[in-house]
Amino acid sequence: MRRAVLLALSLLFTLAVTPAVTPAFASEPQWTLTPASGGGTRPSSDGRPYFYLEGAPGTVLQDTLSLTNPGAKPVTVRLRGAQGYNTAAGSFAVRPLADSWITPLVTSAKVPPHTRADIPFSITVPAGAEPGDHPAAVVASAGGREVGVRIQLRVSGPTLSALTVEDISVDKSAGLIRYTLVNRGNTTLTPRLAVRAEGVFGRVLNRPARNLPLELLPAQRVALTEKWPDKPLLDSVDVHLTATAEGAPPAGGDASATFVPWGLLAGAGLLVAGAAAGAHRLVRRRGGPDGTGVMERELAETGAST
């Protein structure tokens, strides 16, 4: 009976303190920001994942954003242009533009419920803009939420695709190969990486070229790592990295590392030292070649008797 009463009280307490859970389908749908169909220097009737615009220095390029509010309340969205860059881990991120290249027709738009609003914007390419890719974005913010759409902007003129591999090192304790990729050109690169390592007795690592999950923007550098969980236990190795990208000549770099199992060697040293000490004690215990014990011989040399 006591158990039944306690169980009933526990159930009542649980029902009293458990908050009501709102079903996921009852949440308000979020507003979206996408490129409008068509438009740009490469128009398309299908949905575009980003804007692509190209023009010479001094020209004005135009395109259109689509703001969609599927909710039941109006949304006021603020718009701004932003410059693209690579984070330390290689992700695409944005920061405020140093120059106002991107100019939305309006900087704030109120979108009624269940409505889509098309908002034109323009990009004024400065007369002295350098040729090549200038990654950017249009960012919309409302209610603490930000959504951006990438702009692939290319300024007409000579282009150069160049890639280097720098700062290669082997982190033996973590089982990692560390390196830095640097975009030395003016085009966005999708790099590929191959890894090879040669030891005293032959090749210990051979990874063919594969695409890295990043876009390396012009004049950007990204520090990356390669996992090496099956690194050798005892060896001296030379590690070689080869990076490639479309339109860029291959780039490579080397690093050396010596793997020594100091823990095992220390344990082996202790075993050897212990064996030597045991042998020494055994010799002292057995005495000299005449069969006399060590203590007896020492007493005999001093003239004492036992």
Protein backbone atom coordinates (compact mmCIF):
# COMPACT_ATOMS: atom_id res chain seq x y z
CA MET A 1 0.00 0.00 0.00
CA ARG A 2 2.86 2.37 0.89
CA ARG A 3 4.48 1.74 -2.54
CA ALA A 4 1.16 2.40 -4.32
CA VAL A 5 0.66 5.72 -2.52
CA LEU A 6 4.22 6.83 -3.29
CA LEU A 7 3.81 5.88 -6.96
CA ALA A 8 0.58 7.86 -7.22
CA LEU A 9 2.13 10.93 -5.59
CA SER A 10 5.16 10.69 -7.87
CA LEU A 11 2.93 10.53 -10.95
CA LEU A 12 0.92 13.58 -9.81
CA PHE A 13 4.14 15.54 -9.16
CA THR A 14 5.52 14.65 -12.60
CA LEU A 15 2.33 15.80 -14.33
CA ALA A 16 2.41 19.04 -12.34
CA VAL A 17 5.99 20.06 -13.21
CA THR A 18 6.21 18.81 -16.82
CA PRO A 19 5.76 21.81 -19.17
CA ALA A 20 3.42 21.63 -22.11
CA VAL A 21 5.27 20.86 -25.35
CA THR A 22 4.28 22.89 -28.41
CA PRO A 23 4.09 20.73 -31.52
CA ALA A 24 6.75 21.54 -34.13
CA PHE A 25 4.15 22.01 -36.86
CA ALA A 26 2.56 24.86 -34.90
CA SER A 27 5.66 27.12 -35.22
CA GLU A 28 5.50 30.15 -37.50
CA PRO A 29 7.12 29.55 -40.92
CA GLN A 30 10.27 31.58 -41.53
CA TRP A 31 10.73 34.26 -44.17
CA THR A 32 13.22 33.51 -46.95
CA LEU A 33 15.62 35.43 -49.18
CA THR A 34 16.50 34.07 -52.64
CA PRO A 35 17.60 35.36 -56.04
CA ALA A 36 14.65 36.22 -58.28
CA SER A 37 14.21 33.98 -61.32
CA GLY A 38 16.12 35.21 -64.35
CA GLY A 39 18.14 38.41 -64.35
CA GLY A 40 21.85 38.88 -63.92
CA THR A 41 24.51 38.41 -66.56
CA ARG A 42 23.65 34.70 -66.70
CA PRO A 43 19.84 34.64 -66.53
CA SER A 44 18.03 31.39 -65.83
CA SER A 45 14.39 30.46 -65.64
CA ASP A 46 15.16 28.02 -62.83
CA GLY A 47 15.82 28.94 -59.22
CA ARG A 48 19.37 30.23 -58.72
CA PRO A 49 21.33 29.29 -55.58
CA TYR A 50 23.36 32.52 -55.82
CA PHE A 51 23.87 35.62 -57.98
CA TYR A 52 26.46 35.63 -60.76
CA LEU A 53 27.40 39.05 -62.10
CA GLU A 54 30.29 40.07 -64.33
CA GLY A 55 31.32 43.44 -65.69
CA ALA A 56 34.20 45.75 -66.49
CA PRO A 57 35.48 48.43 -64.09
CA GLY A 58 33.22 51.44 -64.08
CA THR A 59 30.02 49.57 -64.99
CA VAL A 60 26.79 49.23 -63.02
CA LEU A 61 25.30 45.72 -62.68
CA GLN A 62 21.71 45.04 -61.61
CA ASP A 63 19.73 42.08 -60.29
CA THR A 64 16.69 41.33 -58.10
CA LEU A 65 16.10 39.75 -54.68
CA SER A 66 12.95 37.86 -53.69
CA LEU A 67 11.75 38.23 -50.10
CA THR A 68 9.01 35.75 -49.21
CA ASN A 69 6.92 35.93 -46.04
CA PRO A 70 4.81 32.74 -45.65
CA GLY A 71 3.71 33.65 -42.10
CA ALA A 72 0.52 35.26 -40.83
CA LYS A 73 2.23 38.49 -39.64
CA PRO A 74 4.06 41.20 -41.58
CA VAL A 75 7.87 41.18 -41.45
CA THR A 76 10.14 44.22 -41.70
CA VAL A 77 13.50 43.22 -43.17
CA ARG A 78 16.65 45.33 -43.36
CA LEU A 79 19.04 44.82 -46.30
CA ARG A 80 22.77 45.47 -46.67
CA GLY A 81 25.72 44.42 -48.79
CA ALA A 82 28.62 42.39 -47.38
CA GLN A 83 32.06 41.17 -48.41
CA GLY A 84 32.92 37.46 -48.45
CA TYR A 85 35.98 35.91 -46.81
CA ASN A 86 37.25 32.57 -45.48
CA THR A 87 37.19 31.84 -41.76
CA ALA A 88 40.20 30.19 -40.14
CA ALA A 89 38.53 26.81 -40.70
CA GLY A 90 37.76 27.57 -44.36
CA SER A 91 34.03 28.35 -44.16
CA PHE A 92 32.47 31.18 -46.18
CA ALA A 93 31.61 34.19 -44.00
CA VAL A 94 30.76 37.86 -44.56
CA ARG A 95 31.78 41.20 -43.07
CA PRO A 96 30.81 44.81 -43.82
CA LEU A 97 31.93 46.14 -47.17
CA ALA A 98 34.87 48.52 -47.12
CA ASP A 99 33.38 50.27 -50.18
CA SER A 100 29.67 50.53 -50.98
CA TRP A 101 29.69 48.44 -54.15
CA ILE A 102 26.30 46.86 -53.43
CA THR A 103 23.30 49.19 -53.15
CA PRO A 104 19.78 47.75 -52.58
CA LEU A 105 16.94 49.88 -53.96
CA VAL A 106 15.61 50.03 -50.38
CA THR A 107 17.47 49.33 -47.15
CA SER A 108 14.30 48.33 -45.29
CA ALA A 109 11.23 46.52 -46.64
CA LYS A 110 7.97 45.55 -44.95
CA VAL A 111 6.59 42.33 -46.44
CA PRO A 112 2.88 41.58 -45.77
CA PRO A 113 1.74 38.07 -44.73
CA HIS A 114 1.72 35.39 -47.43
CA THR A 115 3.48 37.73 -49.84
CA ARG A 116 6.62 37.80 -51.96
CA ALA A 117 8.37 41.10 -52.58
CA ASP A 118 10.95 41.55 -55.38
CA ILE A 119 13.60 44.14 -54.50
CA PRO A 120 16.11 45.34 -57.12
CA PHE A 121 19.72 46.06 -56.18
CA SER A 122 22.74 47.31 -58.09
CA ILE A 123 26.51 46.81 -57.93
CA THR A 124 28.71 49.71 -59.01
CA VAL A 125 32.13 48.38 -60.01
CA PRO A 126 34.73 51.06 -59.20
CA ALA A 127 36.83 52.33 -62.09
CA GLY A 128 40.00 51.08 -60.38
CA ALA A 129 38.69 47.65 -59.35
CA GLU A 130 41.17 44.82 -59.80
CA PRO A 131 40.22 42.04 -62.25
CA GLY A 132 39.10 38.69 -60.90
CA ASP A 133 36.61 37.38 -58.37
CA HIS A 134 35.21 39.60 -55.62
CA PRO A 135 32.99 37.35 -53.42
CA ALA A 136 30.16 39.22 -51.75
CA ALA A 137 26.61 38.77 -50.45
CA VAL A 138 23.32 40.52 -49.81
CA VAL A 139 22.26 40.06 -46.18
CA ALA A 140 18.72 40.47 -44.81
CA SER A 141 17.98 40.70 -41.08
CA ALA A 142 14.73 40.71 -39.10
CA GLY A 143 13.78 39.64 -35.57
CA GLY A 144 17.29 38.57 -34.63
CA ARG A 145 17.63 36.34 -37.70
CA GLU A 146 20.00 36.93 -40.63
CA VAL A 147 19.89 35.31 -44.07
CA GLY A 148 22.38 35.94 -46.84
CA VAL A 149 22.59 35.16 -50.55
CA ARG A 150 26.03 34.88 -52.13
CA ILE A 151 27.10 37.05 -55.05
CA GLN A 152 29.73 35.66 -57.41
CA LEU A 153 31.07 38.94 -58.78
CA ARG A 154 33.82 38.90 -61.40
CA VAL A 155 35.49 42.05 -62.64
CA SER A 156 36.52 41.66 -66.29
CA GLY A 157 40.23 41.50 -67.08
CA PRO A 158 43.18 39.09 -66.78
CA THR A 159 42.74 36.28 -64.27
CA LEU A 160 45.34 34.19 -62.47
CA SER A 161 44.76 30.93 -60.60
CA ALA A 162 47.59 30.19 -58.17
CA LEU A 163 47.82 28.04 -55.05
CA THR A 164 50.56 27.30 -52.51
CA VAL A 165 50.97 24.84 -49.61
CA GLU A 166 52.81 26.27 -46.61
CA ASP A 167 53.63 25.63 -42.94
CA ILE A 168 53.57 21.83 -43.19
CA SER A 169 54.28 20.00 -39.92
CA VAL A 170 53.53 16.65 -38.28
CA ASP A 171 51.82 16.67 -34.89
CA LYS A 172 52.94 13.25 -33.66
CA SER A 173 51.07 13.30 -30.35
CA ALA A 174 47.73 14.20 -31.98
CA GLY A 175 48.23 12.08 -35.11
CA LEU A 176 47.77 15.06 -37.45
CA ILE A 177 49.48 16.61 -40.45
CA ARG A 178 49.08 20.39 -40.29
CA TYR A 179 49.34 22.68 -43.31
CA THR A 180 48.13 26.00 -44.75
CA LEU A 181 46.59 26.58 -48.18
CA VAL A 182 47.05 30.05 -49.67
CA ASN A 183 45.22 31.45 -52.71
CA ARG A 184 47.84 33.58 -54.46
CA GLY A 185 45.65 34.40 -57.46
CA ASN A 186 42.48 36.39 -58.16
CA THR A 187 40.00 33.54 -58.79
CA THR A 188 38.05 31.37 -56.36
CA LEU A 189 39.56 27.88 -56.10
CA THR A 190 38.19 24.46 -55.17
CA PRO A 191 41.38 22.68 -54.06
CA ARG A 192 42.25 18.99 -54.16
CA LEU A 193 44.86 17.40 -51.90
CA ALA A 194 47.06 14.29 -52.15
CA VAL A 195 49.21 13.05 -49.23
CA ARG A 196 52.22 10.75 -49.35
CA ALA A 197 54.76 9.68 -46.70
CA GLU A 198 57.95 7.64 -47.20
CA GLY A 199 59.65 5.82 -44.33
CA VAL A 200 62.96 4.01 -43.95
CA PHE A 201 61.41 0.74 -45.14
CA GLY A 202 59.09 2.17 -47.80
CA ARG A 203 55.84 4.08 -48.18
CA VAL A 204 53.75 4.36 -45.01
CA LEU A 205 51.00 6.70 -46.26
CA ASN A 206 49.43 7.12 -49.69
CA ARG A 207 46.20 9.11 -50.09
CA PRO A 208 45.18 9.95 -53.67
CA ALA A 209 43.96 13.44 -54.56
CA ARG A 210 40.48 14.29 -53.31
CA ASN A 211 38.31 17.43 -53.19
CA LEU A 212 38.55 19.43 -49.97
CA PRO A 213 35.22 20.68 -48.55
CA LEU A 214 35.93 24.38 -49.03
CA GLU A 215 36.12 27.22 -51.54
CA LEU A 216 39.35 29.15 -51.20
CA LEU A 217 38.66 32.81 -51.99
CA PRO A 218 41.24 35.13 -53.58
CA ALA A 219 44.02 36.37 -51.27
CA GLN A 220 42.80 34.09 -48.45
CA ARG A 221 44.74 31.53 -46.39
CA VAL A 222 43.28 28.62 -44.43
CA ALA A 223 44.98 26.38 -41.84
CA LEU A 224 43.88 22.74 -42.24
CA THR A 225 44.76 19.29 -40.87
CA GLU A 226 44.93 15.73 -42.16
CA LYS A 227 44.21 12.92 -39.71
CA TRP A 228 46.89 10.21 -39.45
CA PRO A 229 45.63 7.71 -36.86
CA ASP A 230 47.76 4.79 -38.15
CA LYS A 231 51.08 6.65 -38.02
CA PRO A 232 54.18 4.43 -37.65
CA LEU A 233 55.43 3.45 -34.23
CA LEU A 234 59.16 3.53 -35.02
CA ASP A 235 60.31 5.22 -38.23
CA SER A 236 61.78 8.33 -39.83
CA VAL A 237 59.40 9.65 -42.50
CA ASP A 238 59.24 12.36 -45.15
CA VAL A 239 55.71 13.72 -45.73
CA HIS A 240 54.80 15.29 -49.08
CA LEU A 241 51.57 17.20 -49.82
CA THR A 242 50.37 18.08 -53.33
CA ALA A 243 47.54 20.60 -53.82
CA THR A 244 45.81 21.19 -57.16
CA ALA A 245 42.93 23.32 -58.41
CA GLU A 246 41.36 23.95 -61.80
CA GLY A 247 43.48 26.35 -63.82
CA ALA A 248 46.29 26.46 -61.23
CA PRO A 249 49.64 24.66 -61.47
CA PRO A 250 50.21 21.94 -58.85
CA ALA A 251 51.72 23.09 -55.56
CA GLY A 252 53.60 20.94 -53.09
CA GLY A 253 55.43 20.98 -49.80
CA ASP A 254 57.38 18.64 -47.49
CA ALA A 255 57.95 17.96 -43.80
CA SER A 256 59.94 15.36 -41.87
CA ALA A 257 59.23 13.55 -38.63
CA THR A 258 60.87 10.85 -36.52
CA PHE A 259 58.65 8.47 -34.58
CA VAL A 260 60.25 6.89 -31.49
CA PRO A 261 58.22 4.92 -28.89
CA TRP A 262 59.91 6.51 -25.87
CA GLY A 263 57.54 4.81 -23.46
CA LEU A 264 58.45 1.34 -24.73
CA LEU A 265 62.13 2.19 -24.81
CA ALA A 266 61.99 3.43 -21.22
CA GLY A 267 60.27 0.22 -20.17
CA ALA A 268 62.88 -1.86 -21.99
CA GLY A 269 65.66 0.13 -20.30
CA LEU A 270 64.20 -0.61 -16.89
CA LEU A 271 64.05 -4.31 -17.73
CA VAL A 272 67.69 -4.33 -18.83
CA ALA A 273 68.78 -2.43 -15.73
CA GLY A 274 66.83 -4.81 -13.52
CA ALA A 275 68.37 -7.85 -15.21
CA ALA A 276 71.87 -6.41 -14.77
CA ALA A 277 71.28 -5.72 -11.07
CA GLY A 278 69.94 -9.23 -10.55
CA ALA A 279 72.98 -10.74 -12.24
CA HIS A 280 75.28 -8.65 -10.08
CA ARG A 281 73.56 -9.80 -6.89
CA LEU A 282 73.74 -13.39 -8.06
CA VAL A 283 77.51 -13.16 -8.61
CA ARG A 284 78.05 -11.64 -5.16
CA ARG A 285 75.90 -14.31 -3.54
CA ARG A 286 77.75 -17.17 -5.25
CA GLY A 287 81.19 -15.81 -4.35
CA GLY A 288 84.51 -16.17 -6.18
CA PRO A 289 85.92 -18.98 -8.29
CA ASP A 290 87.37 -20.84 -5.23
CA GLY A 291 83.89 -21.38 -3.86
CA THR A 292 84.40 -19.03 -0.89
CA GLY A 293 81.51 -16.74 -0.13
CA VAL A 294 82.00 -13.01 -0.43
CA MET A 295 81.61 -12.47 3.33
CA GLU A 296 84.04 -15.32 4.16
CA ARG A 297 86.69 -13.95 1.77
CA GLU A 298 86.37 -10.41 3.16
CA LEU A 299 86.73 -11.71 6.77
CA ALA A 300 89.68 -13.88 5.79
CA GLU A 301 91.48 -10.91 4.23
CA THR A 302 91.11 -8.91 7.47
CA GLY A 303 92.27 -11.83 9.71
CA ALA A 304 88.93 -12.26 11.47
CA SER A 305 87.16 -15.55 12.07
CA THR A 306 83.54 -16.65 12.15
